[in-house]
């Protein structure tokens, strides 16, 4: 494995062109660009971060189009995830728009969702979560995740943390775009720093949803 030296801007250009021509013909003609400017740098990045965060899963570039109306065969981004729990962990992505980092709980089974809402309902743990989220928002992160349109069953609409209780998944993310350092080794330091900023939220989520 070669050392991480950054994400070449050719990778961003590749995805911009792929958005205009998402075809097997284009992919085959430019696959080497994807390998050298996207796949290999992503492998090198997550290998560098592995000692501090764990082994990553690098997603396949192919879309699952079996049940999709959009039959475009290739994803318009390359992502990788490090799981801290079954559905919780850190995320990094490169696309035409540049670099994005994220983290949190991306999905949940019914028992995990119930545990999450019980923790949000709890005055101590719920207040702790509010503090974690507030610090991330102040640092420039956007809070996302699927949410119910109304209140979850068993909770009052005037609950002080009703917006958090509506979440079916809960994530934090930040877009860096394409700064000059993206194509340099500094990119790994920026991802590492962002993942560390998100660590308290990710560990909180993993801890509460792991409860039996």
Protein backbone atom coordinates (compact mmCIF):
# COMPACT_ATOMS: atom_id res chain seq x y z
CA UNK A 1 0.00 0.00 0.00
CA UNK A 2 1.44 3.35 -1.04
CA UNK A 3 1.28 6.33 1.31
CA UNK A 4 -1.63 8.73 1.00
CA UNK A 5 -0.63 11.84 -0.95
CA UNK A 6 -4.04 13.43 -1.47
CA UNK A 7 -6.98 13.18 -3.84
CA UNK A 8 -5.93 14.35 -7.33
CA UNK A 9 -8.31 16.86 -8.88
CA UNK A 10 -8.56 14.49 -11.83
CA UNK A 11 -10.86 12.41 -9.63
CA UNK A 12 -13.28 15.29 -9.22
CA UNK A 13 -13.18 15.93 -12.95
CA UNK A 14 -13.88 12.24 -13.53
CA UNK A 15 -17.08 12.41 -11.48
CA UNK A 16 -18.17 15.62 -13.16
CA UNK A 17 -17.85 13.91 -16.53
CA UNK A 18 -19.54 10.76 -15.21
CA UNK A 19 -22.57 12.83 -14.19
CA UNK A 20 -22.86 13.90 -17.82
CA UNK A 21 -22.29 10.41 -19.26
CA UNK A 22 -23.08 7.65 -16.76
CA UNK A 23 -22.51 4.79 -19.17
CA UNK A 24 -20.44 1.64 -19.35
CA UNK A 25 -18.70 3.03 -22.40
CA UNK A 26 -17.51 6.11 -20.52
CA UNK A 27 -16.56 4.07 -17.45
CA UNK A 28 -14.46 1.60 -19.40
CA UNK A 29 -12.71 4.40 -21.28
CA UNK A 30 -11.84 6.26 -18.06
CA UNK A 31 -11.57 3.46 -15.52
CA UNK A 32 -7.85 4.02 -15.09
CA UNK A 33 -8.52 7.61 -14.02
CA UNK A 34 -10.95 6.34 -11.36
CA UNK A 35 -8.44 3.75 -10.15
CA UNK A 36 -5.52 6.17 -9.88
CA UNK A 37 -7.34 9.33 -8.75
CA UNK A 38 -10.19 7.91 -6.63
CA UNK A 39 -9.91 4.25 -5.65
CA UNK A 40 -6.21 4.08 -4.81
CA UNK A 41 -6.13 7.37 -2.84
CA UNK A 42 -9.20 6.26 -0.88
CA UNK A 43 -7.53 2.97 -0.02
CA UNK A 44 -4.41 4.81 1.10
CA UNK A 45 -6.44 7.29 3.17
CA UNK A 46 -8.39 4.71 5.15
CA UNK A 47 -5.23 2.64 5.67
CA UNK A 48 -3.59 5.69 7.24
CA UNK A 49 -6.59 6.29 9.49
CA UNK A 50 -7.11 2.64 10.45
CA UNK A 51 -4.89 2.63 13.58
CA UNK A 52 -7.04 5.34 15.18
CA UNK A 53 -10.51 4.42 13.92
CA UNK A 54 -10.55 0.85 12.67
CA UNK A 55 -10.77 -0.99 9.39
CA UNK A 56 -12.86 0.68 6.70
CA UNK A 57 -15.25 -0.68 4.13
CA UNK A 58 -14.81 0.96 0.74
CA UNK A 59 -18.08 0.89 -1.18
CA UNK A 60 -18.34 -0.54 -4.65
CA UNK A 61 -18.70 1.99 -7.47
CA UNK A 62 -21.69 0.18 -8.96
CA UNK A 63 -25.27 1.11 -8.19
CA UNK A 64 -27.90 -1.51 -7.30
CA UNK A 65 -30.46 -0.75 -9.99
CA UNK A 66 -32.67 -3.82 -9.61
CA UNK A 67 -35.56 -1.88 -8.06
CA UNK A 68 -34.56 1.66 -9.06
CA UNK A 69 -36.23 3.84 -11.66
CA UNK A 70 -32.85 5.40 -12.35
CA UNK A 71 -30.84 2.74 -14.16
CA UNK A 72 -27.56 4.67 -14.19
CA UNK A 73 -24.97 1.94 -13.54
CA UNK A 74 -22.37 3.90 -11.55
CA UNK A 75 -22.42 5.93 -8.35
CA UNK A 76 -21.54 9.61 -8.69
CA UNK A 77 -19.26 9.45 -5.64
CA UNK A 78 -16.86 7.14 -3.83
CA UNK A 79 -17.48 6.51 -0.16
CA UNK A 80 -15.91 4.57 2.68
CA UNK A 81 -17.20 3.81 6.17
CA UNK A 82 -15.66 2.67 9.45
CA UNK A 83 -18.23 1.02 11.69
CA UNK A 84 -18.10 1.58 15.44
CA UNK A 85 -21.32 -0.43 15.89
CA UNK A 86 -23.74 -2.22 13.59
CA UNK A 87 -25.11 0.94 11.98
CA UNK A 88 -22.93 3.65 13.50
CA UNK A 89 -19.56 4.96 12.44
CA UNK A 90 -17.48 7.40 10.40
CA UNK A 91 -17.85 8.19 6.71
CA UNK A 92 -15.74 9.88 4.03
CA UNK A 93 -16.67 10.63 0.43
CA UNK A 94 -15.15 12.10 -2.70
CA UNK A 95 -17.24 13.35 -5.62
CA UNK A 96 -17.37 16.12 -8.21
CA UNK A 97 -18.21 18.49 -5.35
CA UNK A 98 -15.06 17.52 -3.47
CA UNK A 99 -14.56 16.05 -0.01
CA UNK A 100 -17.32 15.26 2.48
CA UNK A 101 -16.98 13.72 5.93
CA UNK A 102 -19.73 12.38 8.10
CA UNK A 103 -20.59 10.18 11.02
CA UNK A 104 -23.40 8.96 13.18
CA UNK A 105 -26.11 6.31 13.06
CA UNK A 106 -27.16 5.72 9.46
CA UNK A 107 -29.90 3.15 10.11
CA UNK A 108 -31.44 1.24 12.99
CA UNK A 109 -33.46 -1.84 13.70
CA UNK A 110 -36.56 -1.43 15.87
CA UNK A 111 -34.79 -2.35 19.11
CA UNK A 112 -31.94 0.07 18.43
CA UNK A 113 -34.34 2.86 17.53
CA UNK A 114 -36.29 2.25 20.73
CA UNK A 115 -33.04 2.40 22.73
CA UNK A 116 -32.05 5.63 21.00
CA UNK A 117 -35.36 7.28 21.80
CA UNK A 118 -35.25 6.08 25.39
CA UNK A 119 -31.83 7.70 25.74
CA UNK A 120 -33.05 10.94 24.15
CA UNK A 121 -36.03 10.91 26.53
CA UNK A 122 -33.76 10.49 29.53
CA UNK A 123 -32.98 13.89 31.04
CA UNK A 124 -29.29 13.20 31.63
CA UNK A 125 -28.43 11.37 28.43
CA UNK A 126 -30.78 13.45 26.30
CA UNK A 127 -29.24 16.67 27.54
CA UNK A 128 -25.80 15.21 26.91
CA UNK A 129 -26.76 14.51 23.29
CA UNK A 130 -28.04 18.05 22.86
CA UNK A 131 -24.67 19.32 24.00
CA UNK A 132 -22.76 17.07 21.60
CA UNK A 133 -24.90 18.21 18.68
CA UNK A 134 -24.63 21.88 19.64
CA UNK A 135 -20.83 21.67 19.63
CA UNK A 136 -20.79 20.06 16.20
CA UNK A 137 -23.18 22.64 14.76
CA UNK A 138 -20.98 25.41 16.16
CA UNK A 139 -18.00 23.76 14.43
CA UNK A 140 -19.76 23.86 11.05
CA UNK A 141 -21.42 20.45 10.83
CA UNK A 142 -24.91 19.84 9.49
CA UNK A 143 -27.16 17.47 11.43
CA UNK A 144 -29.16 15.09 9.27
CA UNK A 145 -30.92 11.75 9.17
CA UNK A 146 -34.35 10.39 8.32
CA UNK A 147 -37.11 11.80 10.52
CA UNK A 148 -40.75 11.15 11.22
CA UNK A 149 -43.15 13.84 10.05
CA UNK A 150 -44.92 13.68 13.40
CA UNK A 151 -44.14 12.46 16.89
CA UNK A 152 -43.08 8.87 17.58
CA UNK A 153 -45.62 6.69 19.34
CA UNK A 154 -45.50 7.00 23.12
CA UNK A 155 -43.99 10.49 23.26
CA UNK A 156 -45.70 13.84 23.72
CA UNK A 157 -45.62 16.41 20.94
CA UNK A 158 -44.43 19.03 23.45
CA UNK A 159 -41.46 16.94 24.60
CA UNK A 160 -38.45 19.28 25.02
CA UNK A 161 -36.43 17.09 22.63
CA UNK A 162 -39.21 16.17 20.21
CA UNK A 163 -37.09 17.05 17.16
CA UNK A 164 -34.42 14.58 18.23
CA UNK A 165 -37.06 11.97 19.04
CA UNK A 166 -38.34 12.18 15.47
CA UNK A 167 -35.04 10.92 14.12
CA UNK A 168 -34.93 7.40 12.65
CA UNK A 169 -31.27 7.94 11.90
CA UNK A 170 -28.97 10.66 13.18
CA UNK A 171 -25.88 11.93 11.41
CA UNK A 172 -23.47 14.84 11.32
CA UNK A 173 -21.70 15.89 8.15
CA UNK A 174 -19.42 18.55 6.76
CA UNK A 175 -18.56 19.49 3.19
CA UNK A 176 -15.01 20.67 2.57
CA UNK A 177 -15.39 21.13 -1.17
CA UNK A 178 -12.16 21.21 -3.13
CA UNK A 179 -9.59 23.30 -1.21
CA UNK A 180 -6.00 23.42 -2.42
CA UNK A 181 -4.95 20.92 0.24
CA UNK A 182 -7.28 18.21 -1.09
CA UNK A 183 -4.56 16.98 -3.45
CA UNK A 184 -1.92 16.94 -0.70
CA UNK A 185 -1.22 14.74 2.36
CA UNK A 186 -2.94 17.40 4.49
CA UNK A 187 -6.28 15.92 3.38
CA UNK A 188 -5.71 12.95 5.70
CA UNK A 189 -5.07 15.28 8.64
CA UNK A 190 -8.28 17.18 7.90
CA UNK A 191 -10.35 13.98 7.74
CA UNK A 192 -8.72 12.71 10.93
CA UNK A 193 -9.49 15.96 12.76
CA UNK A 194 -13.11 15.93 11.57
CA UNK A 195 -13.59 12.31 12.59
CA UNK A 196 -12.17 13.09 16.01
CA UNK A 197 -14.62 15.98 16.35
CA UNK A 198 -17.45 13.55 15.64
CA UNK A 199 -16.12 10.79 17.90
CA UNK A 200 -18.12 11.82 21.02
CA UNK A 201 -21.40 11.70 19.06
CA UNK A 202 -20.56 8.40 17.39
CA UNK A 203 -19.50 6.79 20.66
CA UNK A 204 -22.65 8.09 22.38
CA UNK A 205 -24.83 6.58 19.67
CA UNK A 206 -22.97 3.28 19.69
CA UNK A 207 -23.22 3.05 23.47
CA UNK A 208 -26.94 3.74 23.80
CA UNK A 209 -28.02 1.53 20.90
CA UNK A 210 -25.87 -1.37 22.12
CA UNK A 211 -27.87 -1.61 25.33
CA UNK A 212 -30.06 -4.66 25.65
